[in-house]
Amino acid sequence: MNKALVLQTIQEVKNSSKKRNFLQSYELIINLKDVDIKKYESQLNLYIPLTHPKGKKVKVCAFCGPELLQQAKDVCNKVILSDEFERYQKKEIKKLAEEYDYFIAQGNVMTRVASIFGRVLGPRGKMPNPKAGCVVPQNVNLRQLYDRLQNTVNVTVRHGPSIKCSVGSENMNDEQIAENSIVVYDAVVHNLPNDKDNVKDIYIKLTMGKSIKVKEKDEKIVKKSKK
């Protein structure tokens, strides 16, 4: 993935986007080809540390027992104590899934988290995931985990042969957006059976803007030769 071409695409995305009354996110879209999605679904469920924070605060909710309660209150955006789990109904759990980006759970309460919250959080990809370090022991340093999640994106192929994720926001500079995009691309390609040969095309867009294709070197050379 050529950085110069990514930067060129980001400029086109900005030039084609109308000013909005909220902070838009940059989204990277990687369309795949010749991949058995069902076979590689678990392999392509990745938690990728970005080079730069995404420009928007990531909100974290903790499920914990009394052992982690005080630390969780000091660090996380919301804390649900194990004694409170049964109070939550489906409608309230849906609100939690919409409001919070990541959920972490103390290991010894994870079974109850799965039985009470799993039916809503699971299909949304929001269950506390060991791959992201979100199922934790009682002696964990939650501050370190919270800070790491601020720079982490989750990419999946649950909804077809396409990967979409946020790589930053409008308050970041082009270099930061480009570097985050390349980090995600490299991680995805590394987990594909045939590396970049499984990538059909790549797009970048703003939340409310149109998708702009990241051109390949060959496309650029062809355009120059026609002049």
Foldseek 3Di string as FASTA:
>chain_A
DDLVLLLVQVVVQVVQDDDDPDWWFKKKKWFFPPAPQVVCQVLQFAKFFFPDFQADQAAEEEEEEPLCVVLCVVAHPYYDYLVCLVVDDPVNLLVVLVPHDEYAYAQVCLVVCCVRNVVRCVVVVHRQDVNLVRHDHSPDNVNVSSVRSSRIWTWGQPPHRMTMTTQHIPVDDSSSSSRRNVSVLQVNQVSGPNRCVGTPWMWMHIPPTDTDTRDDPVVVVVVVVVD
